[in-house]
Amino acid sequence: MGVTLGSDALVIVVSEETGIVSIAMNGNLIRHVSSEELRRHLTTAVVETTPLVERLQRTMRRKSPVEEA
C-alpha cells in the first residue's frame, strides 16, 4: 500500500492462498474485489491518466529535434 500513497499508482493484489483480489490505491486497500469492480477501477485509472500521457507525449515531441531527411 505504501507505493500507492502520494502517487497515482494502482496495485492489484491476488492472495496466493485464497485467490482473493484486492486493489491498493491512495494508500487504501480494497479487499474482495469482483471482476466487474476490477474492470471499473482499471478503466477509471486509464481514463484519468490518458490526458496526462497525451500531454507528456506532445511535450516530448516539441522538445525533440526535428530530423531532416
C-alpha atoms as a PDB file:
ATOM      1  CA  MET A   1       0.000   0.000   0.000  1.00  0.00           C
ATOM      2  CA  GLY A   2       2.916   2.337   0.618  1.00  0.00           C
ATOM      3  CA  VAL A   3       3.730   2.619  -3.092  1.00  0.00           C
ATOM      4  CA  THR A   4       0.230   3.981  -3.759  1.00  0.00           C
ATOM      5  CA  LEU A   5       0.431   6.636  -1.061  1.00  0.00           C
ATOM      6  CA  GLY A   6       1.125  10.002  -2.649  1.00  0.00           C
ATOM      7  CA  SER A   7       1.170   8.654  -6.207  1.00  0.00           C
ATOM      8  CA  ASP A   8      -1.263   7.710  -8.940  1.00  0.00           C
ATOM      9  CA  ALA A   9      -0.245   4.044  -8.715  1.00  0.00           C
ATOM     10  CA  LEU A  10      -2.888   1.348  -8.547  1.00  0.00           C
ATOM     11  CA  VAL A  11      -1.728  -2.068  -7.326  1.00  0.00           C
ATOM     12  CA  ILE A  12      -3.606  -5.313  -7.910  1.00  0.00           C
ATOM     13  CA  VAL A  13      -3.014  -7.878  -5.176  1.00  0.00           C
ATOM     14  CA  VAL A  14      -4.019 -11.530  -5.536  1.00  0.00           C
ATOM     15  CA  SER A  15      -3.703 -13.771  -2.497  1.00  0.00           C
ATOM     16  CA  GLU A  16      -1.773 -16.935  -3.283  1.00  0.00           C
ATOM     17  CA  GLU A  17      -3.641 -18.826  -0.598  1.00  0.00           C
ATOM     18  CA  THR A  18      -7.230 -17.694  -1.168  1.00  0.00           C
ATOM     19  CA  GLY A  19      -7.247 -16.156  -4.645  1.00  0.00           C
ATOM     20  CA  ILE A  20      -8.946 -13.051  -3.216  1.00  0.00           C
ATOM     21  CA  VAL A  21      -8.320  -9.997  -5.389  1.00  0.00           C
ATOM     22  CA  SER A  22      -7.651  -6.668  -3.703  1.00  0.00           C
ATOM     23  CA  ILE A  23      -6.719  -3.235  -5.002  1.00  0.00           C
ATOM     24  CA  ALA A  24      -4.386  -0.800  -3.282  1.00  0.00           C
ATOM     25  CA  MET A  25      -4.763   2.852  -4.251  1.00  0.00           C
ATOM     26  CA  ASN A  26      -4.259   6.169  -2.496  1.00  0.00           C
ATOM     27  CA  GLY A  27      -2.825   4.278   0.486  1.00  0.00           C
ATOM     28  CA  ASN A  28      -6.029   2.243   0.954  1.00  0.00           C
ATOM     29  CA  LEU A  29      -6.672  -1.449   0.412  1.00  0.00           C
ATOM     30  CA  ILE A  30      -9.991  -2.554  -1.066  1.00  0.00           C
ATOM     31  CA  ARG A  31     -10.462  -6.293  -0.466  1.00  0.00           C
ATOM     32  CA  HIS A  32     -12.671  -8.883  -2.178  1.00  0.00           C
ATOM     33  CA  VAL A  33     -12.826  -7.008  -5.483  1.00  0.00           C
ATOM     34  CA  SER A  34     -15.088  -8.618  -8.091  1.00  0.00           C
ATOM     35  CA  SER A  35     -14.063  -8.816 -11.745  1.00  0.00           C
ATOM     36  CA  GLU A  36     -16.593  -6.074 -12.547  1.00  0.00           C
ATOM     37  CA  GLU A  37     -15.168  -3.791  -9.842  1.00  0.00           C
ATOM     38  CA  LEU A  38     -11.610  -4.503 -11.010  1.00  0.00           C
ATOM     39  CA  ARG A  39     -12.549  -3.603 -14.587  1.00  0.00           C
ATOM     40  CA  ARG A  40     -14.216  -0.375 -13.387  1.00  0.00           C
ATOM     41  CA  HIS A  41     -11.203   0.672 -11.297  1.00  0.00           C
ATOM     42  CA  LEU A  42      -8.746  -0.078 -14.105  1.00  0.00           C
ATOM     43  CA  THR A  43     -10.868   1.699 -16.714  1.00  0.00           C
ATOM     44  CA  THR A  44     -11.187   4.748 -14.474  1.00  0.00           C
ATOM     45  CA  ALA A  45      -7.433   4.768 -13.831  1.00  0.00           C
ATOM     46  CA  VAL A  46      -6.645   4.615 -17.560  1.00  0.00           C
ATOM     47  CA  VAL A  47      -9.196   7.281 -18.495  1.00  0.00           C
ATOM     48  CA  GLU A  48      -7.894   9.626 -15.796  1.00  0.00           C
ATOM     49  CA  THR A  49      -4.230   9.206 -16.779  1.00  0.00           C
ATOM     50  CA  THR A  50      -4.675   9.241 -20.566  1.00  0.00           C
ATOM     51  CA  PRO A  51      -4.798  13.052 -20.827  1.00  0.00           C
ATOM     52  CA  LEU A  52      -1.586  13.224 -18.777  1.00  0.00           C
ATOM     53  CA  VAL A  53       0.156  10.710 -21.063  1.00  0.00           C
ATOM     54  CA  GLU A  54      -1.009  12.586 -24.158  1.00  0.00           C
ATOM     55  CA  ARG A  55       0.268  15.888 -22.744  1.00  0.00           C
ATOM     56  CA  LEU A  56       3.627  14.275 -21.961  1.00  0.00           C
ATOM     57  CA  GLN A  57       3.874  12.875 -25.485  1.00  0.00           C
ATOM     58  CA  ARG A  58       3.117  16.282 -27.022  1.00  0.00           C
ATOM     59  CA  THR A  59       5.713  17.891 -24.773  1.00  0.00           C
ATOM     60  CA  MET A  60       8.314  15.287 -25.715  1.00  0.00           C
ATOM     61  CA  ARG A  61       7.612  15.806 -29.446  1.00  0.00           C
ATOM     62  CA  ARG A  62       8.099  19.562 -29.071  1.00  0.00           C
ATOM     63  CA  LYS A  63      11.388  19.112 -27.224  1.00  0.00           C
ATOM     64  CA  SER A  64      12.903  16.528 -29.558  1.00  0.00           C
ATOM     65  CA  PRO A  65      14.907  17.894 -32.516  1.00  0.00           C
ATOM     66  CA  VAL A  66      13.248  17.583 -35.899  1.00  0.00           C
ATOM     67  CA  GLU A  67      15.007  15.074 -38.068  1.00  0.00           C
ATOM     68  CA  GLU A  68      15.725  16.198 -41.611  1.00  0.00           C
ATOM     69  CA  ALA A  69      15.599  13.727 -44.466  1.00  0.00           C
END
